[in-house]
Amino acid sequence: MENAKETLQKAGKEDNHYNDRKYVRTACGTAYNGLLIALDTYLLLKGIKKTKGRKSIEYYQEHIGKIDKKLLKYVNDAYEILHLSGYYDGILNATVVKEGFNEAYEIINQIKPD
């Protein structure tokens, strides 16, 4: 997540919009990947064996949904904002991107062991 924040700073910001779509996409992709790594670890701690290869969002939705419905809402939001809007679409609105990062941090804080 720290790498993602550093990359996002390189995008430059003016009037609540980032200036460089390339850095926004990279930052959102990095944040989303960091979130998936955290979720993989969380699922492993919950006894769900890691499958080989790439996992789809449906994989996470299915398994997280069985464990914690509230957490699933955050996962869905992070997916929509960071992965779809941020990484694929390269949204430049700083408020939206910030909310995506907030969702990711909320998930990480909820799932980290005490």
Protein backbone atom coordinates (compact mmCIF):
# COMPACT_ATOMS: atom_id res chain seq x y z
CA MET A 1 0.00 0.00 0.00
CA GLU A 2 2.91 2.33 0.69
CA ASN A 3 4.22 1.79 -2.85
CA ALA A 4 0.78 2.64 -4.19
CA LYS A 5 0.65 5.87 -2.18
CA GLU A 6 4.10 6.89 -3.42
CA THR A 7 3.11 6.22 -7.03
CA LEU A 8 -0.10 8.21 -6.63
CA GLN A 9 1.86 11.24 -5.43
CA LYS A 10 3.73 11.22 -8.75
CA ALA A 11 0.43 11.77 -10.59
CA GLY A 12 0.25 15.38 -9.44
CA LYS A 13 -3.05 16.92 -8.37
CA GLU A 14 -4.91 20.06 -9.33
CA ASP A 15 -8.43 21.02 -8.22
CA ASN A 16 -9.29 17.56 -6.81
CA HIS A 17 -8.20 15.77 -9.99
CA TYR A 18 -4.98 13.93 -10.71
CA ASN A 19 -2.98 15.07 -13.72
CA ASP A 20 -1.41 11.83 -14.94
CA ARG A 21 -3.67 8.86 -15.66
CA LYS A 22 -0.71 6.49 -16.00
CA TYR A 23 0.35 6.98 -12.38
CA VAL A 24 -3.23 6.74 -11.13
CA ARG A 25 -3.71 3.43 -12.95
CA THR A 26 -0.44 2.07 -11.61
CA ALA A 27 -1.19 3.19 -8.05
CA CYS A 28 -4.71 1.73 -8.07
CA GLY A 29 -3.45 -1.54 -9.53
CA THR A 30 -0.71 -1.75 -6.91
CA ALA A 31 -3.15 -1.02 -4.08
CA TYR A 32 -5.61 -3.62 -5.37
CA ASN A 33 -2.88 -6.25 -5.68
CA GLY A 34 -1.73 -5.49 -2.14
CA LEU A 35 -5.30 -5.94 -0.97
CA LEU A 36 -5.56 -9.31 -2.72
CA ILE A 37 -2.36 -10.49 -1.04
CA ALA A 38 -3.82 -9.50 2.34
CA LEU A 39 -7.09 -11.29 1.52
CA ASP A 40 -5.23 -14.43 0.43
CA THR A 41 -3.44 -14.49 3.78
CA TYR A 42 -6.71 -13.86 5.64
CA LEU A 43 -8.44 -16.73 3.84
CA LEU A 44 -5.49 -19.01 4.53
CA LEU A 45 -5.74 -18.17 8.24
CA LYS A 46 -9.45 -19.03 8.04
CA GLY A 47 -8.57 -22.48 6.69
CA ILE A 48 -9.32 -21.86 3.02
CA LYS A 49 -6.57 -23.38 0.92
CA LYS A 50 -5.01 -21.20 -1.73
CA THR A 51 -5.77 -22.29 -5.29
CA LYS A 52 -3.17 -22.19 -8.03
CA GLY A 53 -3.20 -19.47 -10.60
CA ARG A 54 -5.14 -16.24 -10.69
CA LYS A 55 -8.32 -15.96 -8.72
CA SER A 56 -11.33 -14.02 -9.93
CA ILE A 57 -13.29 -11.53 -7.87
CA GLU A 58 -15.98 -14.20 -7.65
CA TYR A 59 -13.55 -16.42 -5.74
CA TYR A 60 -13.06 -13.71 -3.12
CA GLN A 61 -16.76 -12.82 -3.05
CA GLU A 62 -17.73 -16.43 -2.48
CA HIS A 63 -15.28 -17.12 0.34
CA ILE A 64 -15.38 -13.73 2.07
CA GLY A 65 -19.20 -13.77 1.85
CA LYS A 66 -19.29 -17.03 3.81
CA ILE A 67 -17.10 -15.56 6.55
CA ASP A 68 -18.13 -11.91 6.91
CA LYS A 69 -20.88 -10.17 4.92
CA LYS A 70 -19.85 -6.71 6.12
CA LEU A 71 -16.28 -7.28 4.96
CA LEU A 72 -17.64 -8.40 1.59
CA LYS A 73 -19.19 -4.96 1.07
CA TYR A 74 -15.79 -3.33 1.53
CA VAL A 75 -14.19 -5.86 -0.84
CA ASN A 76 -16.81 -5.13 -3.50
CA ASP A 77 -16.29 -1.38 -3.12
CA ALA A 78 -12.50 -1.71 -3.34
CA TYR A 79 -12.87 -3.88 -6.44
CA GLU A 80 -15.17 -1.37 -8.14
CA ILE A 81 -13.08 1.68 -7.26
CA LEU A 82 -9.48 0.47 -7.34
CA HIS A 83 -9.62 -2.25 -9.96
CA LEU A 84 -12.35 -1.18 -12.36
CA SER A 85 -12.49 2.61 -12.07
CA GLY A 86 -8.88 3.19 -11.05
CA TYR A 87 -6.85 0.58 -12.87
CA TYR A 88 -8.94 -0.06 -15.97
CA ASP A 89 -10.63 3.30 -16.49
CA GLY A 90 -7.92 5.50 -14.98
CA ILE A 91 -10.36 7.75 -13.16
CA LEU A 92 -8.71 11.06 -12.24
CA ASN A 93 -11.13 12.23 -9.51
CA ALA A 94 -9.02 12.38 -6.34
CA THR A 95 -12.03 11.93 -4.03
CA VAL A 96 -12.98 8.65 -5.69
CA VAL A 97 -9.41 7.33 -5.68
CA LYS A 98 -8.98 8.34 -2.02
CA GLU A 99 -12.15 6.44 -1.11
CA GLY A 100 -10.79 3.35 -2.86
CA PHE A 101 -7.62 3.56 -0.79
CA ASN A 102 -9.72 4.10 2.36
CA GLU A 103 -11.73 0.96 1.58
CA ALA A 104 -8.53 -1.04 1.14
CA TYR A 105 -7.11 0.24 4.43
CA GLU A 106 -10.41 -0.55 6.19
CA ILE A 107 -10.28 -4.13 4.92
CA ILE A 108 -6.66 -4.56 5.96
CA ASN A 109 -7.41 -3.17 9.43
CA GLN A 110 -10.40 -5.49 9.83
CA ILE A 111 -8.56 -8.64 8.82
CA LYS A 112 -5.14 -8.15 10.39
CA PRO A 113 -4.49 -10.46 13.33
CA ASP A 114 -4.37 -8.90 16.79
